Amino acid sequence: MSESGTPGSGEERLAHLLEVQDHDTAVDQLRHRQATMPERVELRQVEAVVASISERLSKLQGERDELSLRQSALEEQIEASRKRRSELEKRMYGGQIAAARDLQAMDDETRHLGRHVSELEDREIEVMEALEPLDSELASANAERSELEGRAVVLRQAISESGAELETAIDEEMKARNVAASAVPDELIARYEKLRAKLGGTGAARLVGNSCSGCHLTLPAMEVDRIRKMAPDAIITCDQCGRILVR
């Protein structure tokens, strides 16, 4: 929209530009609230802790799986040794073996198997003792993760609800902003947008007394006097920050 095609005086257009700035500022504040709402901050913290717990659980589970495999292997060895010893004892006492040398050899083997089973059982007990604290730690970590995941669900719901309210507020501000912008020439809006992007979101500011409300610096007295003598619709910029000044 060109300057000539815009209804209203230049002074009114500058007033509308300030309305645009006010709505843009409100939208920026609402979006900042969206990004920094306490629930969102807490959710990030909760998710970080959950990730840490999950990593620890993975490590603990790996250790437990390794011990469980060792226990299974020991149980198989114990069972095989017991079975072999039982078979030898049946043959020894079943009257099938008559040679003394053979009986002695079988007796030596059964004794060896007995000692071997005892050693294997001791090793199995060690594994079971190592498994006990691991199982306890796994149960505790799983419970903690479950509780945090429940909290995360609550936080996401709160974020969704608050986010919806903020989005509605943003939409309302944007509609009002667009109405105000329609009364401002395209060239002036484009200039304002460039300044806004460059100067932290504020492209137009009020002249309050001798100060720019954008940079909050005091303008020299001669500059203020010059500005006040200019036509009401003149486009003025702050000589301190470059923002469009509206009297």
C-alpha atoms as a PDB file:
ATOM      1  CA  MET A   1       0.000   0.000   0.000  1.00  0.00           C
ATOM      2  CA  SER A   2       1.497   3.347  -1.038  1.00  0.00           C
ATOM      3  CA  GLU A   3       1.568   6.563   0.985  1.00  0.00           C
ATOM      4  CA  SER A   4      -0.975   8.165  -1.304  1.00  0.00           C
ATOM      5  CA  GLY A   5      -3.272   5.151  -1.172  1.00  0.00           C
ATOM      6  CA  THR A   6      -3.441   5.098   2.606  1.00  0.00           C
ATOM      7  CA  PRO A   7      -6.379   6.787   4.299  1.00  0.00           C
ATOM      8  CA  GLY A   8      -5.834   9.248   7.128  1.00  0.00           C
ATOM      9  CA  SER A   9      -3.182  11.863   7.778  1.00  0.00           C
ATOM     10  CA  GLY A  10       0.512  11.189   8.171  1.00  0.00           C
ATOM     11  CA  GLU A  11       0.168  11.860  11.881  1.00  0.00           C
ATOM     12  CA  GLU A  12      -2.546   9.192  12.122  1.00  0.00           C
ATOM     13  CA  ARG A  13      -0.385   6.764  10.208  1.00  0.00           C
ATOM     14  CA  LEU A  14       2.426   7.235  12.708  1.00  0.00           C
ATOM     15  CA  ALA A  15      -0.044   6.647  15.522  1.00  0.00           C
ATOM     16  CA  HIS A  16      -1.101   3.435  13.809  1.00  0.00           C
ATOM     17  CA  LEU A  17       2.570   2.465  13.471  1.00  0.00           C
ATOM     18  CA  LEU A  18       2.879   2.740  17.238  1.00  0.00           C
ATOM     19  CA  GLU A  19      -0.165   0.474  17.551  1.00  0.00           C
ATOM     20  CA  VAL A  20       1.610  -2.041  15.314  1.00  0.00           C
ATOM     21  CA  GLN A  21       4.665  -1.813  17.563  1.00  0.00           C
ATOM     22  CA  ASP A  22       2.550  -2.290  20.694  1.00  0.00           C
ATOM     23  CA  HIS A  23       0.920  -5.411  19.243  1.00  0.00           C
ATOM     24  CA  ASP A  24       4.272  -6.770  18.029  1.00  0.00           C
ATOM     25  CA  THR A  25       5.715  -6.228  21.503  1.00  0.00           C
ATOM     26  CA  ALA A  26       2.739  -8.019  23.050  1.00  0.00           C
ATOM     27  CA  VAL A  27       3.200 -10.955  20.640  1.00  0.00           C
ATOM     28  CA  ASP A  28       6.929 -11.143  21.445  1.00  0.00           C
ATOM     29  CA  GLN A  29       6.111 -11.215  25.153  1.00  0.00           C
ATOM     30  CA  LEU A  30       3.504 -13.944  24.667  1.00  0.00           C
ATOM     31  CA  ARG A  31       5.931 -16.047  22.643  1.00  0.00           C
ATOM     32  CA  HIS A  32       8.574 -15.546  25.315  1.00  0.00           C
ATOM     33  CA  ARG A  33       6.059 -16.787  27.878  1.00  0.00           C
ATOM     34  CA  GLN A  34       5.435 -19.829  25.673  1.00  0.00           C
ATOM     35  CA  ALA A  35       9.138 -20.635  25.531  1.00  0.00           C
ATOM     36  CA  THR A  36       9.865 -19.995  29.193  1.00  0.00           C
ATOM     37  CA  MET A  37       6.729 -21.170  30.976  1.00  0.00           C
ATOM     38  CA  PRO A  38       7.714 -22.959  34.238  1.00  0.00           C
ATOM     39  CA  GLU A  39       6.134 -26.219  33.104  1.00  0.00           C
ATOM     40  CA  ARG A  40       8.250 -26.248  29.951  1.00  0.00           C
ATOM     41  CA  VAL A  41      11.431 -25.573  31.933  1.00  0.00           C
ATOM     42  CA  GLU A  42      10.548 -28.319  34.425  1.00  0.00           C
ATOM     43  CA  LEU A  43       9.699 -30.726  31.591  1.00  0.00           C
ATOM     44  CA  ARG A  44      13.158 -30.264  30.070  1.00  0.00           C
ATOM     45  CA  GLN A  45      14.688 -30.995  33.472  1.00  0.00           C
ATOM     46  CA  VAL A  46      12.487 -34.070  33.964  1.00  0.00           C
ATOM     47  CA  GLU A  47      13.298 -35.379  30.489  1.00  0.00           C
ATOM     48  CA  ALA A  48      17.025 -34.924  31.149  1.00  0.00           C
ATOM     49  CA  VAL A  49      16.771 -36.899  34.395  1.00  0.00           C
ATOM     50  CA  VAL A  50      14.699 -39.616  32.688  1.00  0.00           C
ATOM     51  CA  ALA A  51      17.338 -39.897  29.960  1.00  0.00           C
ATOM     52  CA  SER A  52      20.062 -40.189  32.601  1.00  0.00           C
ATOM     53  CA  ILE A  53      18.131 -42.855  34.503  1.00  0.00           C
ATOM     54  CA  SER A  54      17.444 -44.775  31.284  1.00  0.00           C
ATOM     55  CA  GLU A  55      21.161 -44.768  30.494  1.00  0.00           C
ATOM     56  CA  ARG A  56      21.940 -46.027  33.997  1.00  0.00           C
ATOM     57  CA  LEU A  57      19.219 -48.693  33.717  1.00  0.00           C
ATOM     58  CA  SER A  58      20.685 -49.886  30.433  1.00  0.00           C
ATOM     59  CA  LYS A  59      24.099 -50.275  32.053  1.00  0.00           C
ATOM     60  CA  LEU A  60      22.652 -52.015  35.124  1.00  0.00           C
ATOM     61  CA  GLN A  61      20.566 -54.348  32.979  1.00  0.00           C
ATOM     62  CA  GLY A  62      23.644 -55.231  30.954  1.00  0.00           C
ATOM     63  CA  GLU A  63      25.501 -56.125  34.158  1.00  0.00           C
ATOM     64  CA  ARG A  64      22.542 -58.144  35.399  1.00  0.00           C
ATOM     65  CA  ASP A  65      22.199 -60.027  32.105  1.00  0.00           C
ATOM     66  CA  GLU A  66      25.881 -60.927  32.247  1.00  0.00           C
ATOM     67  CA  LEU A  67      25.566 -62.221  35.820  1.00  0.00           C
ATOM     68  CA  SER A  68      22.383 -64.087  34.907  1.00  0.00           C
ATOM     69  CA  LEU A  69      24.198 -65.848  32.069  1.00  0.00           C
ATOM     70  CA  ARG A  70      27.018 -66.783  34.462  1.00  0.00           C
ATOM     71  CA  GLN A  71      24.486 -68.165  36.939  1.00  0.00           C
ATOM     72  CA  SER A  72      22.766 -70.216  34.228  1.00  0.00           C
ATOM     73  CA  ALA A  73      26.109 -71.598  33.068  1.00  0.00           C
ATOM     74  CA  LEU A  74      27.031 -72.538  36.654  1.00  0.00           C
ATOM     75  CA  GLU A  75      23.679 -74.235  37.191  1.00  0.00           C
ATOM     76  CA  GLU A  76      24.183 -76.284  34.027  1.00  0.00           C
ATOM     77  CA  GLN A  77      27.670 -77.302  35.176  1.00  0.00           C
ATOM     78  CA  ILE A  78      26.391 -78.211  38.642  1.00  0.00           C
ATOM     79  CA  GLU A  79      23.568 -80.258  37.185  1.00  0.00           C
ATOM     80  CA  ALA A  80      25.903 -82.065  34.771  1.00  0.00           C
ATOM     81  CA  SER A  81      28.415 -82.838  37.555  1.00  0.00           C
ATOM     82  CA  ARG A  82      25.709 -84.100  39.875  1.00  0.00           C
ATOM     83  CA  LYS A  83      24.295 -86.272  37.149  1.00  0.00           C
ATOM     84  CA  ARG A  84      27.725 -87.733  36.357  1.00  0.00           C
ATOM     85  CA  ARG A  85      28.387 -88.391  40.055  1.00  0.00           C
ATOM     86  CA  SER A  86      25.014 -90.098  40.471  1.00  0.00           C
ATOM     87  CA  GLU A  87      25.692 -92.327  37.481  1.00  0.00           C
ATOM     88  CA  LEU A  88      29.104 -93.303  38.855  1.00  0.00           C
ATOM     89  CA  GLU A  89      27.688 -94.108  42.292  1.00  0.00           C
ATOM     90  CA  LYS A  90      24.998 -96.314  40.748  1.00  0.00           C
ATOM     91  CA  ARG A  91      27.632 -98.256  38.835  1.00  0.00           C
ATOM     92  CA  MET A  92      29.919 -98.484  41.875  1.00  0.00           C
ATOM     93  CA  TYR A  93      27.241 -99.809  44.189  1.00  0.00           C
ATOM     94  CA  GLY A  94      25.294-101.722  41.628  1.00  0.00           C
ATOM     95  CA  GLY A  95      27.726-104.637  41.572  1.00  0.00           C
ATOM     96  CA  GLN A  96      28.540-104.109  37.912  1.00  0.00           C
ATOM     97  CA  ILE A  97      32.191-103.215  38.530  1.00  0.00           C
ATOM     98  CA  ALA A  98      34.389-105.875  40.115  1.00  0.00           C
ATOM     99  CA  ALA A  99      37.938-104.670  39.478  1.00  0.00           C
ATOM    100  CA  ALA A 100      39.359-102.835  42.485  1.00  0.00           C
ATOM    101  CA  ARG A 101      41.350-100.487  40.273  1.00  0.00           C
ATOM    102  CA  ASP A 102      38.242 -99.435  38.382  1.00  0.00           C
ATOM    103  CA  LEU A 103      36.303 -98.955  41.605  1.00  0.00           C
ATOM    104  CA  GLN A 104      39.114 -96.788  42.997  1.00  0.00           C
ATOM    105  CA  ALA A 105      39.187 -94.660  39.882  1.00  0.00           C
ATOM    106  CA  MET A 106      35.433 -94.180  40.020  1.00  0.00           C
ATOM    107  CA  ASP A 107      35.608 -93.340  43.720  1.00  0.00           C
ATOM    108  CA  ASP A 108      38.317 -90.752  43.032  1.00  0.00           C
ATOM    109  CA  GLU A 109      36.184 -89.211  40.294  1.00  0.00           C
ATOM    110  CA  THR A 110      33.067 -89.039  42.506  1.00  0.00           C
ATOM    111  CA  ARG A 111      35.113 -87.291  45.218  1.00  0.00           C
ATOM    112  CA  HIS A 112      36.503 -84.883  42.646  1.00  0.00           C
ATOM    113  CA  LEU A 113      33.001 -84.230  41.323  1.00  0.00           C
ATOM    114  CA  GLY A 114      31.769 -83.573  44.853  1.00  0.00           C
ATOM    115  CA  ARG A 115      34.481 -80.982  45.415  1.00  0.00           C
ATOM    116  CA  HIS A 116      33.811 -79.477  41.980  1.00  0.00           C
ATOM    117  CA  VAL A 117      30.066 -79.176  42.713  1.00  0.00           C
ATOM    118  CA  SER A 118      30.869 -77.501  46.020  1.00  0.00           C
ATOM    119  CA  GLU A 119      33.160 -75.001  44.286  1.00  0.00           C
ATOM    120  CA  LEU A 120      30.541 -74.316  41.620  1.00  0.00           C
ATOM    121  CA  GLU A 121      27.859 -73.785  44.278  1.00  0.00           C
ATOM    122  CA  ASP A 122      30.120 -71.299  46.074  1.00  0.00           C
ATOM    123  CA  ARG A 123      30.603 -69.402  42.831  1.00  0.00           C
ATOM    124  CA  GLU A 124      26.861 -69.459  42.215  1.00  0.00           C
ATOM    125  CA  ILE A 125      26.241 -67.979  45.668  1.00  0.00           C
ATOM    126  CA  GLU A 126      28.700 -65.179  44.853  1.00  0.00           C
ATOM    127  CA  VAL A 127      26.794 -64.450  41.642  1.00  0.00           C
ATOM    128  CA  MET A 128      23.457 -64.474  43.491  1.00  0.00           C
ATOM    129  CA  GLU A 129      24.893 -62.090  46.110  1.00  0.00           C
ATOM    130  CA  ALA A 130      26.023 -59.775  43.316  1.00  0.00           C
ATOM    131  CA  LEU A 131      22.585 -59.967  41.682  1.00  0.00           C
ATOM    132  CA  GLU A 132      20.704 -58.934  44.816  1.00  0.00           C
ATOM    133  CA  PRO A 133      21.890 -55.289  45.017  1.00  0.00           C
ATOM    134  CA  LEU A 134      21.631 -54.992  41.229  1.00  0.00           C
ATOM    135  CA  ASP A 135      17.993 -56.098  41.333  1.00  0.00           C
ATOM    136  CA  SER A 136      17.337 -53.629  44.133  1.00  0.00           C
ATOM    137  CA  GLU A 137      18.967 -50.787  42.216  1.00  0.00           C
ATOM    138  CA  LEU A 138      17.097 -51.714  39.038  1.00  0.00           C
ATOM    139  CA  ALA A 139      13.772 -51.747  40.874  1.00  0.00           C
ATOM    140  CA  SER A 140      14.512 -48.364  42.486  1.00  0.00           C
ATOM    141  CA  ALA A 141      15.610 -46.766  39.218  1.00  0.00           C
ATOM    142  CA  ASN A 142      12.597 -48.152  37.345  1.00  0.00           C
ATOM    143  CA  ALA A 143      10.266 -46.778  40.017  1.00  0.00           C
ATOM    144  CA  GLU A 144      11.949 -43.375  39.867  1.00  0.00           C
ATOM    145  CA  ARG A 145      11.738 -43.293  36.077  1.00  0.00           C
ATOM    146  CA  SER A 146       8.088 -44.331  36.150  1.00  0.00           C
ATOM    147  CA  GLU A 147       7.280 -41.535  38.606  1.00  0.00           C
ATOM    148  CA  LEU A 148       9.109 -38.967  36.482  1.00  0.00           C
ATOM    149  CA  GLU A 149       7.416 -40.162  33.307  1.00  0.00           C
ATOM    150  CA  GLY A 150       4.084 -39.662  35.053  1.00  0.00           C
ATOM    151  CA  ARG A 151       5.138 -36.137  35.990  1.00  0.00           C
ATOM    152  CA  ALA A 152       6.148 -35.505  32.379  1.00  0.00           C
ATOM    153  CA  VAL A 153       2.661 -36.485  31.201  1.00  0.00           C
ATOM    154  CA  VAL A 154       1.134 -33.957  33.620  1.00  0.00           C
ATOM    155  CA  LEU A 155       3.561 -31.244  32.492  1.00  0.00           C
ATOM    156  CA  ARG A 156       2.899 -31.873  28.802  1.00  0.00           C
ATOM    157  CA  GLN A 157      -0.826 -31.582  29.425  1.00  0.00           C
ATOM    158  CA  ALA A 158      -0.323 -28.299  31.293  1.00  0.00           C
ATOM    159  CA  ILE A 159       1.922 -26.999  28.494  1.00  0.00           C
ATOM    160  CA  SER A 160      -0.676 -27.972  25.904  1.00  0.00           C
ATOM    161  CA  GLU A 161      -3.456 -26.171  27.760  1.00  0.00           C
ATOM    162  CA  SER A 162      -1.408 -23.051  28.535  1.00  0.00           C
ATOM    163  CA  GLY A 163       0.024 -23.079  25.023  1.00  0.00           C
ATOM    164  CA  ALA A 164      -3.460 -23.124  23.534  1.00  0.00           C
ATOM    165  CA  GLU A 165      -4.451 -20.105  25.626  1.00  0.00           C
ATOM    166  CA  LEU A 166      -1.310 -18.244  24.613  1.00  0.00           C
ATOM    167  CA  GLU A 167      -1.840 -19.109  20.945  1.00  0.00           C
ATOM    168  CA  THR A 168      -5.350 -17.665  21.157  1.00  0.00           C
ATOM    169  CA  ALA A 169      -3.954 -14.489  22.702  1.00  0.00           C
ATOM    170  CA  ILE A 170      -1.278 -14.302  19.988  1.00  0.00           C
ATOM    171  CA  ASP A 171      -3.875 -14.731  17.253  1.00  0.00           C
ATOM    172  CA  GLU A 172      -5.945 -11.896  18.717  1.00  0.00           C
ATOM    173  CA  GLU A 173      -2.908  -9.620  18.918  1.00  0.00           C
ATOM    174  CA  MET A 174      -1.927 -10.461  15.336  1.00  0.00           C
ATOM    175  CA  LYS A 175      -5.421  -9.670  14.036  1.00  0.00           C
ATOM    176  CA  ALA A 176      -5.366  -6.301  15.794  1.00  0.00           C
ATOM    177  CA  ARG A 177      -1.836  -5.736  14.549  1.00  0.00           C
ATOM    178  CA  ASN A 178      -2.845  -6.402  10.947  1.00  0.00           C
ATOM    179  CA  VAL A 179      -5.741  -3.965  11.219  1.00  0.00           C
ATOM    180  CA  ALA A 180      -3.367  -1.258  12.487  1.00  0.00           C
ATOM    181  CA  ALA A 181      -0.760  -2.129   9.830  1.00  0.00           C
ATOM    182  CA  SER A 182      -3.330  -1.724   7.057  1.00  0.00           C
ATOM    183  CA  ALA A 183      -3.440   1.997   7.885  1.00  0.00           C
ATOM    184  CA  VAL A 184       0.330   2.393   7.485  1.00  0.00           C
ATOM    185  CA  PRO A 185       2.095   2.755   4.098  1.00  0.00           C
ATOM    186  CA  ASP A 186       3.947  -0.326   2.914  1.00  0.00           C
ATOM    187  CA  GLU A 187       7.230   1.611   2.665  1.00  0.00           C
ATOM    188  CA  LEU A 188       6.986   2.701   6.288  1.00  0.00           C
ATOM    189  CA  ILE A 189       6.044  -0.798   7.468  1.00  0.00           C
ATOM    190  CA  ALA A 190       9.014  -2.259   5.579  1.00  0.00           C
ATOM    191  CA  ARG A 191      11.349   0.297   7.167  1.00  0.00           C
ATOM    192  CA  TYR A 192       9.875  -0.429  10.594  1.00  0.00           C
ATOM    193  CA  GLU A 193      10.322  -4.202  10.127  1.00  0.00           C
ATOM    194  CA  LYS A 194      13.996  -3.796   9.207  1.00  0.00           C
ATOM    195  CA  LEU A 195      14.607  -1.654  12.276  1.00  0.00           C
ATOM    196  CA  ARG A 196      12.660  -4.068  14.460  1.00  0.00           C
ATOM    197  CA  ALA A 197      14.740  -7.034  13.296  1.00  0.00           C
ATOM    198  CA  LYS A 198      17.957  -5.071  13.834  1.00  0.00           C
ATOM    199  CA  LEU A 199      17.086  -3.465  17.171  1.00  0.00           C
ATOM    200  CA  GLY A 200      15.754  -6.268  19.343  1.00  0.00           C
ATOM    201  CA  GLY A 201      12.088  -6.134  18.380  1.00  0.00           C
ATOM    202  CA  THR A 202      11.467  -2.379  18.663  1.00  0.00           C
ATOM    203  CA  GLY A 203      11.379  -0.446  15.387  1.00  0.00           C
ATOM    204  CA  ALA A 204       9.218   2.472  16.500  1.00  0.00           C
ATOM    205  CA  ALA A 205       9.229   4.286  19.822  1.00  0.00           C
ATOM    206  CA  ARG A 206       7.551   7.208  21.542  1.00  0.00           C
ATOM    207  CA  LEU A 207       9.337  10.437  22.278  1.00  0.00           C
ATOM    208  CA  VAL A 208       8.657  10.893  25.987  1.00  0.00           C
ATOM    209  CA  GLY A 209       9.851  14.270  27.158  1.00  0.00           C
ATOM    210  CA  ASN A 210      13.413  14.444  25.880  1.00  0.00           C
ATOM    211  CA  SER A 211      13.941  10.658  25.804  1.00  0.00           C
ATOM    212  CA  CYS A 212      13.439   7.879  23.268  1.00  0.00           C
ATOM    213  CA  SER A 213      11.334   5.115  24.804  1.00  0.00           C
ATOM    214  CA  GLY A 214      13.197   2.621  22.623  1.00  0.00           C
ATOM    215  CA  CYS A 215      16.772   3.181  23.805  1.00  0.00           C
ATOM    216  CA  HIS A 216      15.828   5.233  26.904  1.00  0.00           C
ATOM    217  CA  LEU A 217      18.553   7.746  26.116  1.00  0.00           C
ATOM    218  CA  THR A 218      18.097  11.492  26.427  1.00  0.00           C
ATOM    219  CA  LEU A 219      18.278  13.385  23.169  1.00  0.00           C
ATOM    220  CA  PRO A 220      20.240  16.648  23.008  1.00  0.00           C
ATOM    221  CA  ALA A 221      18.084  19.729  23.680  1.00  0.00           C
ATOM    222  CA  MET A 222      18.767  21.149  20.213  1.00  0.00           C
ATOM    223  CA  GLU A 223      17.671  17.875  18.597  1.00  0.00           C
ATOM    224  CA  VAL A 224      14.470  17.811  20.628  1.00  0.00           C
ATOM    225  CA  ASP A 225      13.753  21.428  19.672  1.00  0.00           C
ATOM    226  CA  ARG A 226      14.336  20.591  15.988  1.00  0.00           C
ATOM    227  CA  ILE A 227      11.998  17.595  16.197  1.00  0.00           C
ATOM    228  CA  ARG A 228       9.211  19.608  17.805  1.00  0.00           C
ATOM    229  CA  LYS A 229       9.358  22.164  14.994  1.00  0.00           C
ATOM    230  CA  MET A 230       8.962  19.519  12.285  1.00  0.00           C
ATOM    231  CA  ALA A 231       5.640  18.791  10.577  1.00  0.00           C
ATOM    232  CA  PRO A 232       3.354  16.428  12.552  1.00  0.00           C
ATOM    233  CA  ASP A 233       3.545  13.774   9.823  1.00  0.00           C
ATOM    234  CA  ALA A 234       7.334  13.948   9.339  1.00  0.00           C
ATOM    235  CA  ILE A 235       9.218  10.656   9.723  1.00  0.00           C
ATOM    236  CA  ILE A 236      11.725  11.215  12.529  1.00  0.00           C
ATOM    237  CA  THR A 237      14.397   8.840  13.773  1.00  0.00           C
ATOM    238  CA  CYS A 238      16.227   8.795  17.085  1.00  0.00           C
ATOM    239  CA  ASP A 239      19.776  10.035  16.551  1.00  0.00           C
ATOM    240  CA  GLN A 240      20.897   7.682  19.352  1.00  0.00           C
ATOM    241  CA  CYS A 241      19.469   4.329  18.185  1.00  0.00           C
ATOM    242  CA  GLY A 242      17.909   4.930  14.765  1.00  0.00           C
ATOM    243  CA  ARG A 243      14.363   3.932  15.708  1.00  0.00           C
ATOM    244  CA  ILE A 244      11.385   5.739  14.213  1.00  0.00           C
ATOM    245  CA  LEU A 245      10.268   8.322  16.757  1.00  0.00           C
ATOM    246  CA  VAL A 246       6.610   9.207  17.210  1.00  0.00           C
ATOM    247  CA  ARG A 247       5.657  12.331  19.126  1.00  0.00           C
END
